[in-house]
Amino acid sequence: MEQTTNYIEKVLGYKTWSDKRKIDALLEYDCNMYTNLGSDSTKTQVQDVKKKSRAIYRAISKIDSEDGKKLLYHMDKD
């Protein structure tokens, strides 16, 4: 989780990046986490990825509250 938190802080701290680029980078990181899960992944690994994903969506809501809220809503819906 610490690595994800560091990455989020790093991306949010970029002054020269547009909001769209920051959101794209965070979503790409999120996508890679889910892509690396496999059929042999344990329940603990899946839950860990979901926790990290929630942290990413909260960071996105700091950039664009509407998009962040939508992502969190759909995550809770599952």
PDB file of N, CA and C in Angstrom:
ATOM      1  N   MET A   1       0.828  -1.196   0.000  1.00  0.00           N
ATOM      2  CA  MET A   1       0.000   0.000   0.000  1.00  0.00           C
ATOM      3  C   MET A   1       0.868   1.254   0.000  1.00  0.00           C
ATOM      4  N   GLU A   2       2.016   1.168   0.651  1.00  0.00           N
ATOM      5  CA  GLU A   2       2.898   2.333   0.738  1.00  0.00           C
ATOM      6  C   GLU A   2       3.376   2.783  -0.637  1.00  0.00           C
ATOM      7  N   GLN A   3       3.669   1.820  -1.506  1.00  0.00           N
ATOM      8  CA  GLN A   3       4.128   2.148  -2.854  1.00  0.00           C
ATOM      9  C   GLN A   3       3.034   2.898  -3.616  1.00  0.00           C
ATOM     10  N   THR A   4       1.812   2.461  -3.473  1.00  0.00           N
ATOM     11  CA  THR A   4       0.686   3.119  -4.141  1.00  0.00           C
ATOM     12  C   THR A   4       0.496   4.525  -3.605  1.00  0.00           C
ATOM     13  N   THR A   5       0.568   4.682  -2.295  1.00  0.00           N
ATOM     14  CA  THR A   5       0.422   6.002  -1.682  1.00  0.00           C
ATOM     15  C   THR A   5       1.508   6.957  -2.173  1.00  0.00           C
ATOM     16  N   ASN A   6       2.726   6.466  -2.251  1.00  0.00           N
ATOM     17  CA  ASN A   6       3.830   7.292  -2.751  1.00  0.00           C
ATOM     18  C   ASN A   6       3.593   7.705  -4.202  1.00  0.00           C
ATOM     19  N   TYR A   7       3.109   6.764  -5.003  1.00  0.00           N
ATOM     20  CA  TYR A   7       2.839   7.070  -6.409  1.00  0.00           C
ATOM     21  C   TYR A   7       1.741   8.126  -6.534  1.00  0.00           C
ATOM     22  N   ILE A   8       0.688   7.979  -5.747  1.00  0.00           N
ATOM     23  CA  ILE A   8      -0.419   8.942  -5.783  1.00  0.00           C
ATOM     24  C   ILE A   8       0.080  10.330  -5.417  1.00  0.00           C
ATOM     25  N   GLU A   9       0.847  10.428  -4.337  1.00  0.00           N
ATOM     26  CA  GLU A   9       1.374  11.727  -3.909  1.00  0.00           C
ATOM     27  C   GLU A   9       2.288  12.328  -4.962  1.00  0.00           C
ATOM     28  N   LYS A  10       3.079  11.483  -5.590  1.00  0.00           N
ATOM     29  CA  LYS A  10       3.992  11.936  -6.641  1.00  0.00           C
ATOM     30  C   LYS A  10       3.214  12.528  -7.814  1.00  0.00           C
ATOM     31  N   VAL A  11       2.189  11.811  -8.266  1.00  0.00           N
ATOM     32  CA  VAL A  11       1.397  12.282  -9.410  1.00  0.00           C
ATOM     33  C   VAL A  11       0.638  13.559  -9.051  1.00  0.00           C
ATOM     34  N   LEU A  12       0.035  13.598  -7.876  1.00  0.00           N
ATOM     35  CA  LEU A  12      -0.712  14.791  -7.472  1.00  0.00           C
ATOM     36  C   LEU A  12       0.198  16.001  -7.311  1.00  0.00           C
ATOM     37  N   GLY A  13       1.473  15.759  -7.029  1.00  0.00           N
ATOM     38  CA  GLY A  13       2.416  16.847  -6.812  1.00  0.00           C
ATOM     39  C   GLY A  13       2.973  17.476  -8.080  1.00  0.00           C
ATOM     40  N   TYR A  14       2.759  16.850  -9.221  1.00  0.00           N
ATOM     41  CA  TYR A  14       3.282  17.408 -10.473  1.00  0.00           C
ATOM     42  C   TYR A  14       2.568  18.714 -10.803  1.00  0.00           C
ATOM     43  N   LYS A  15       3.330  19.771 -10.905  1.00  0.00           N
ATOM     44  CA  LYS A  15       2.750  21.087 -11.190  1.00  0.00           C
ATOM     45  C   LYS A  15       2.548  21.317 -12.685  1.00  0.00           C
ATOM     46  N   THR A  16       3.363  20.680 -13.489  1.00  0.00           N
ATOM     47  CA  THR A  16       3.303  20.928 -14.934  1.00  0.00           C
ATOM     48  C   THR A  16       2.308  20.031 -15.650  1.00  0.00           C
ATOM     49  N   TRP A  17       1.818  19.006 -14.971  1.00  0.00           N
ATOM     50  CA  TRP A  17       0.856  18.095 -15.594  1.00  0.00           C
ATOM     51  C   TRP A  17      -0.547  18.665 -15.510  1.00  0.00           C
ATOM     52  N   SER A  18      -1.312  18.460 -16.562  1.00  0.00           N
ATOM     53  CA  SER A  18      -2.718  18.857 -16.544  1.00  0.00           C
ATOM     54  C   SER A  18      -3.501  17.881 -15.677  1.00  0.00           C
ATOM     55  N   ASP A  19      -4.706  18.281 -15.287  1.00  0.00           N
ATOM     56  CA  ASP A  19      -5.558  17.402 -14.485  1.00  0.00           C
ATOM     57  C   ASP A  19      -5.870  16.119 -15.238  1.00  0.00           C
ATOM     58  N   LYS A  20      -6.101  16.245 -16.535  1.00  0.00           N
ATOM     59  CA  LYS A  20      -6.410  15.064 -17.352  1.00  0.00           C
ATOM     60  C   LYS A  20      -5.239  14.081 -17.342  1.00  0.00           C
ATOM     61  N   ARG A  21      -4.029  14.593 -17.460  1.00  0.00           N
ATOM     62  CA  ARG A  21      -2.851  13.720 -17.479  1.00  0.00           C
ATOM     63  C   ARG A  21      -2.671  13.025 -16.134  1.00  0.00           C
ATOM     64  N   LYS A  22      -2.934  13.744 -15.049  1.00  0.00           N
ATOM     65  CA  LYS A  22      -2.830  13.140 -13.717  1.00  0.00           C
ATOM     66  C   LYS A  22      -3.849  12.010 -13.559  1.00  0.00           C
ATOM     67  N   ILE A  23      -5.086  12.273 -13.957  1.00  0.00           N
ATOM     68  CA  ILE A  23      -6.137  11.262 -13.854  1.00  0.00           C
ATOM     69  C   ILE A  23      -5.795  10.060 -14.731  1.00  0.00           C
ATOM     70  N   ASP A  24      -5.316  10.309 -15.934  1.00  0.00           N
ATOM     71  CA  ASP A  24      -4.935   9.214 -16.835  1.00  0.00           C
ATOM     72  C   ASP A  24      -3.829   8.354 -16.227  1.00  0.00           C
ATOM     73  N   ALA A  25      -2.843   8.988 -15.595  1.00  0.00           N
ATOM     74  CA  ALA A  25      -1.741   8.247 -14.985  1.00  0.00           C
ATOM     75  C   ALA A  25      -2.242   7.393 -13.826  1.00  0.00           C
ATOM     76  N   LEU A  26      -3.135   7.954 -13.021  1.00  0.00           N
ATOM     77  CA  LEU A  26      -3.679   7.207 -11.889  1.00  0.00           C
ATOM     78  C   LEU A  26      -4.539   6.030 -12.361  1.00  0.00           C
ATOM     79  N   LEU A  27      -5.342   6.253 -13.388  1.00  0.00           N
ATOM     80  CA  LEU A  27      -6.179   5.171 -13.912  1.00  0.00           C
ATOM     81  C   LEU A  27      -5.333   4.086 -14.580  1.00  0.00           C
ATOM     82  N   GLU A  28      -4.245   4.488 -15.209  1.00  0.00           N
ATOM     83  CA  GLU A  28      -3.349   3.505 -15.822  1.00  0.00           C
ATOM     84  C   GLU A  28      -2.718   2.630 -14.739  1.00  0.00           C
ATOM     85  N   TYR A  29      -2.319   3.241 -13.645  1.00  0.00           N
ATOM     86  CA  TYR A  29      -1.748   2.487 -12.525  1.00  0.00           C
ATOM     87  C   TYR A  29      -2.785   1.505 -11.974  1.00  0.00           C
ATOM     88  N   ASP A  30      -4.020   1.982 -11.836  1.00  0.00           N
ATOM     89  CA  ASP A  30      -5.117   1.150 -11.352  1.00  0.00           C
ATOM     90  C   ASP A  30      -5.349  -0.029 -12.299  1.00  0.00           C
ATOM     91  N   CYS A  31      -5.358   0.252 -13.565  1.00  0.00           N
ATOM     92  CA  CYS A  31      -5.570  -0.784 -14.583  1.00  0.00           C
ATOM     93  C   CYS A  31      -4.465  -1.839 -14.519  1.00  0.00           C
ATOM     94  N   ASN A  32      -3.237  -1.405 -14.350  1.00  0.00           N
ATOM     95  CA  ASN A  32      -2.120  -2.357 -14.273  1.00  0.00           C
ATOM     96  C   ASN A  32      -2.243  -3.269 -13.057  1.00  0.00           C
ATOM     97  N   MET A  33      -2.721  -2.732 -11.950  1.00  0.00           N
ATOM     98  CA  MET A  33      -2.898  -3.562 -10.758  1.00  0.00           C
ATOM     99  C   MET A  33      -3.907  -4.681 -11.025  1.00  0.00           C
ATOM    100  N   TYR A  34      -5.036  -4.318 -11.636  1.00  0.00           N
ATOM    101  CA  TYR A  34      -6.057  -5.329 -11.922  1.00  0.00           C
ATOM    102  C   TYR A  34      -5.599  -6.306 -12.994  1.00  0.00           C
ATOM    103  N   THR A  35      -4.818  -5.832 -13.944  1.00  0.00           N
ATOM    104  CA  THR A  35      -4.314  -6.691 -15.012  1.00  0.00           C
ATOM    105  C   THR A  35      -3.352  -7.743 -14.461  1.00  0.00           C
ATOM    106  N   ASN A  36      -2.605  -7.371 -13.431  1.00  0.00           N
ATOM    107  CA  ASN A  36      -1.640  -8.306 -12.850  1.00  0.00           C
ATOM    108  C   ASN A  36      -2.289  -9.361 -11.954  1.00  0.00           C
ATOM    109  N   LEU A  37      -3.566  -9.196 -11.641  1.00  0.00           N
ATOM    110  CA  LEU A  37      -4.276 -10.243 -10.909  1.00  0.00           C
ATOM    111  C   LEU A  37      -4.570 -11.379 -11.871  1.00  0.00           C
ATOM    112  N   GLY A  38      -4.509 -12.568 -11.380  1.00  0.00           N
ATOM    113  CA  GLY A  38      -4.795 -13.713 -12.231  1.00  0.00           C
ATOM    114  C   GLY A  38      -5.809 -14.620 -11.584  1.00  0.00           C
ATOM    115  N   SER A  39      -6.106 -15.685 -12.261  1.00  0.00           N
ATOM    116  CA  SER A  39      -7.073 -16.642 -11.722  1.00  0.00           C
ATOM    117  C   SER A  39      -6.519 -17.349 -10.478  1.00  0.00           C
ATOM    118  N   ASP A  40      -5.193 -17.317 -10.319  1.00  0.00           N
ATOM    119  CA  ASP A  40      -4.576 -17.951  -9.160  1.00  0.00           C
ATOM    120  C   ASP A  40      -4.344 -16.972  -7.999  1.00  0.00           C
ATOM    121  N   SER A  41      -4.814 -15.733  -8.142  1.00  0.00           N
ATOM    122  CA  SER A  41      -4.648 -14.739  -7.085  1.00  0.00           C
ATOM    123  C   SER A  41      -5.511 -15.096  -5.880  1.00  0.00           C
ATOM    124  N   THR A  42      -4.952 -14.869  -4.717  1.00  0.00           N
ATOM    125  CA  THR A  42      -5.687 -15.179  -3.494  1.00  0.00           C
ATOM    126  C   THR A  42      -6.707 -14.091  -3.197  1.00  0.00           C
ATOM    127  N   LYS A  43      -7.624 -14.406  -2.322  1.00  0.00           N
ATOM    128  CA  LYS A  43      -8.647 -13.439  -1.925  1.00  0.00           C
ATOM    129  C   LYS A  43      -8.002 -12.220  -1.272  1.00  0.00           C
ATOM    130  N   THR A  44      -6.947 -12.430  -0.527  1.00  0.00           N
ATOM    131  CA  THR A  44      -6.221 -11.341   0.125  1.00  0.00           C
ATOM    132  C   THR A  44      -5.601 -10.403  -0.911  1.00  0.00           C
ATOM    133  N   GLN A  45      -5.046 -10.967  -1.968  1.00  0.00           N
ATOM    134  CA  GLN A  45      -4.449 -10.145  -3.020  1.00  0.00           C
ATOM    135  C   GLN A  45      -5.511  -9.309  -3.725  1.00  0.00           C
ATOM    136  N   VAL A  46      -6.653  -9.890  -3.976  1.00  0.00           N
ATOM    137  CA  VAL A  46      -7.749  -9.175  -4.640  1.00  0.00           C
ATOM    138  C   VAL A  46      -8.239  -8.032  -3.732  1.00  0.00           C
ATOM    139  N   GLN A  47      -8.400  -8.312  -2.446  1.00  0.00           N
ATOM    140  CA  GLN A  47      -8.847  -7.278  -1.513  1.00  0.00           C
ATOM    141  C   GLN A  47      -7.824  -6.157  -1.404  1.00  0.00           C
ATOM    142  N   ASP A  48      -6.542  -6.500  -1.449  1.00  0.00           N
ATOM    143  CA  ASP A  48      -5.486  -5.494  -1.386  1.00  0.00           C
ATOM    144  C   ASP A  48      -5.548  -4.563  -2.598  1.00  0.00           C
ATOM    145  N   VAL A  49      -5.770  -5.130  -3.776  1.00  0.00           N
ATOM    146  CA  VAL A  49      -5.886  -4.318  -4.992  1.00  0.00           C
ATOM    147  C   VAL A  49      -7.106  -3.398  -4.893  1.00  0.00           C
ATOM    148  N   LYS A  50      -8.199  -3.892  -4.334  1.00  0.00           N
ATOM    149  CA  LYS A  50      -9.393  -3.054  -4.186  1.00  0.00           C
ATOM    150  C   LYS A  50      -9.144  -1.896  -3.230  1.00  0.00           C
ATOM    151  N   LYS A  51      -8.384  -2.134  -2.160  1.00  0.00           N
ATOM    152  CA  LYS A  51      -8.040  -1.054  -1.225  1.00  0.00           C
ATOM    153  C   LYS A  51      -7.208   0.019  -1.930  1.00  0.00           C
ATOM    154  N   LYS A  52      -6.240  -0.441  -2.688  1.00  0.00           N
ATOM    155  CA  LYS A  52      -5.384   0.494  -3.424  1.00  0.00           C
ATOM    156  C   LYS A  52      -6.198   1.257  -4.460  1.00  0.00           C
ATOM    157  N   SER A  53      -7.113   0.574  -5.108  1.00  0.00           N
ATOM    158  CA  SER A  53      -7.961   1.197  -6.113  1.00  0.00           C
ATOM    159  C   SER A  53      -8.832   2.289  -5.480  1.00  0.00           C
ATOM    160  N   ARG A  54      -9.370   2.013  -4.305  1.00  0.00           N
ATOM    161  CA  ARG A  54     -10.180   3.002  -3.596  1.00  0.00           C
ATOM    162  C   ARG A  54      -9.346   4.253  -3.285  1.00  0.00           C
ATOM    163  N   ALA A  55      -8.083   4.055  -2.886  1.00  0.00           N
ATOM    164  CA  ALA A  55      -7.191   5.188  -2.606  1.00  0.00           C
ATOM    165  C   ALA A  55      -6.947   6.005  -3.878  1.00  0.00           C
ATOM    166  N   ILE A  56      -6.808   5.323  -4.990  1.00  0.00           N
ATOM    167  CA  ILE A  56      -6.604   6.014  -6.265  1.00  0.00           C
ATOM    168  C   ILE A  56      -7.847   6.818  -6.624  1.00  0.00           C
ATOM    169  N   TYR A  57      -9.027   6.247  -6.432  1.00  0.00           N
ATOM    170  CA  TYR A  57     -10.263   6.950  -6.762  1.00  0.00           C
ATOM    171  C   TYR A  57     -10.473   8.159  -5.852  1.00  0.00           C
ATOM    172  N   ARG A  58     -10.059   8.046  -4.601  1.00  0.00           N
ATOM    173  CA  ARG A  58     -10.134   9.204  -3.696  1.00  0.00           C
ATOM    174  C   ARG A  58      -9.204  10.315  -4.181  1.00  0.00           C
ATOM    175  N   ALA A  59      -8.031   9.939  -4.667  1.00  0.00           N
ATOM    176  CA  ALA A  59      -7.093  10.928  -5.206  1.00  0.00           C
ATOM    177  C   ALA A  59      -7.676  11.587  -6.450  1.00  0.00           C
ATOM    178  N   ILE A  60      -8.343  10.807  -7.277  1.00  0.00           N
ATOM    179  CA  ILE A  60      -8.979  11.364  -8.473  1.00  0.00           C
ATOM    180  C   ILE A  60     -10.070  12.343  -8.067  1.00  0.00           C
ATOM    181  N   SER A  61     -10.785  12.038  -6.993  1.00  0.00           N
ATOM    182  CA  SER A  61     -11.841  12.952  -6.552  1.00  0.00           C
ATOM    183  C   SER A  61     -11.273  14.272  -6.049  1.00  0.00           C
ATOM    184  N   LYS A  62     -10.008  14.291  -5.637  1.00  0.00           N
ATOM    185  CA  LYS A  62      -9.355  15.561  -5.267  1.00  0.00           C
ATOM    186  C   LYS A  62      -9.118  16.421  -6.503  1.00  0.00           C
ATOM    187  N   ILE A  63      -8.922  15.763  -7.631  1.00  0.00           N
ATOM    188  CA  ILE A  63      -8.686  16.483  -8.887  1.00  0.00           C
ATOM    189  C   ILE A  63     -10.008  16.862  -9.532  1.00  0.00           C
ATOM    190  N   ASP A  64     -10.887  15.886  -9.671  1.00  0.00           N
ATOM    191  CA  ASP A  64     -12.207  16.097 -10.275  1.00  0.00           C
ATOM    192  C   ASP A  64     -13.224  15.358  -9.411  1.00  0.00           C
ATOM    193  N   SER A  65     -13.916  16.099  -8.584  1.00  0.00           N
ATOM    194  CA  SER A  65     -14.795  15.473  -7.593  1.00  0.00           C
ATOM    195  C   SER A  65     -15.911  14.647  -8.236  1.00  0.00           C
ATOM    196  N   GLU A  66     -16.434  15.100  -9.341  1.00  0.00           N
ATOM    197  CA  GLU A  66     -17.531  14.370  -9.987  1.00  0.00           C
ATOM    198  C   GLU A  66     -17.076  12.997 -10.484  1.00  0.00           C
ATOM    199  N   ASP A  67     -15.953  12.970 -11.190  1.00  0.00           N
ATOM    200  CA  ASP A  67     -15.440  11.695 -11.693  1.00  0.00           C
ATOM    201  C   ASP A  67     -15.051  10.764 -10.551  1.00  0.00           C
ATOM    202  N   GLY A  68     -14.417  11.309  -9.529  1.00  0.00           N
ATOM    203  CA  GLY A  68     -14.018  10.504  -8.386  1.00  0.00           C
ATOM    204  C   GLY A  68     -15.208   9.889  -7.682  1.00  0.00           C
ATOM    205  N   LYS A  69     -16.259  10.668  -7.518  1.00  0.00           N
ATOM    206  CA  LYS A  69     -17.469  10.160  -6.861  1.00  0.00           C
ATOM    207  C   LYS A  69     -18.110   9.054  -7.688  1.00  0.00           C
ATOM    208  N   LYS A  70     -18.109   9.212  -9.003  1.00  0.00           N
ATOM    209  CA  LYS A  70     -18.686   8.180  -9.872  1.00  0.00           C
ATOM    210  C   LYS A  70     -17.900   6.871  -9.763  1.00  0.00           C
ATOM    211  N   LEU A  71     -16.584   6.980  -9.765  1.00  0.00           N
ATOM    212  CA  LEU A  71     -15.755   5.786  -9.660  1.00  0.00           C
ATOM    213  C   LEU A  71     -15.968   5.089  -8.323  1.00  0.00           C
ATOM    214  N   LEU A  72     -16.017   5.860  -7.242  1.00  0.00           N
ATOM    215  CA  LEU A  72     -16.238   5.278  -5.920  1.00  0.00           C
ATOM    216  C   LEU A  72     -17.630   4.655  -5.826  1.00  0.00           C
ATOM    217  N   TYR A  73     -18.623   5.299  -6.414  1.00  0.00           N
ATOM    218  CA  TYR A  73     -19.985   4.770  -6.385  1.00  0.00           C
ATOM    219  C   TYR A  73     -20.044   3.412  -7.069  1.00  0.00           C
ATOM    220  N   HIS A  74     -19.434   3.311  -8.234  1.00  0.00           N
ATOM    221  CA  HIS A  74     -19.473   2.050  -8.978  1.00  0.00           C
ATOM    222  C   HIS A  74     -18.636   0.959  -8.315  1.00  0.00           C
ATOM    223  N   MET A  75     -17.599   1.370  -7.598  1.00  0.00           N
ATOM    224  CA  MET A  75     -16.820   0.394  -6.855  1.00  0.00           C
ATOM    225  C   MET A  75     -17.645  -0.184  -5.712  1.00  0.00           C
ATOM    226  N   ASP A  76     -18.401   0.657  -5.040  1.00  0.00           N
ATOM    227  CA  ASP A  76     -19.237   0.209  -3.929  1.00  0.00           C
ATOM    228  C   ASP A  76     -20.417  -0.628  -4.398  1.00  0.00           C
ATOM    229  N   LYS A  77     -20.816  -0.418  -5.640  1.00  0.00           N
ATOM    230  CA  LYS A  77     -21.962  -1.113  -6.201  1.00  0.00           C
ATOM    231  C   LYS A  77     -21.697  -2.608  -6.373  1.00  0.00           C
ATOM    232  N   ASP A  78     -20.438  -2.972  -6.585  1.00  0.00           N
ATOM    233  CA  ASP A  78     -20.078  -4.384  -6.811  1.00  0.00           C
ATOM    234  C   ASP A  78     -20.210  -5.203  -5.584  1.00  0.00           C
TER     235      ASP A  78
END
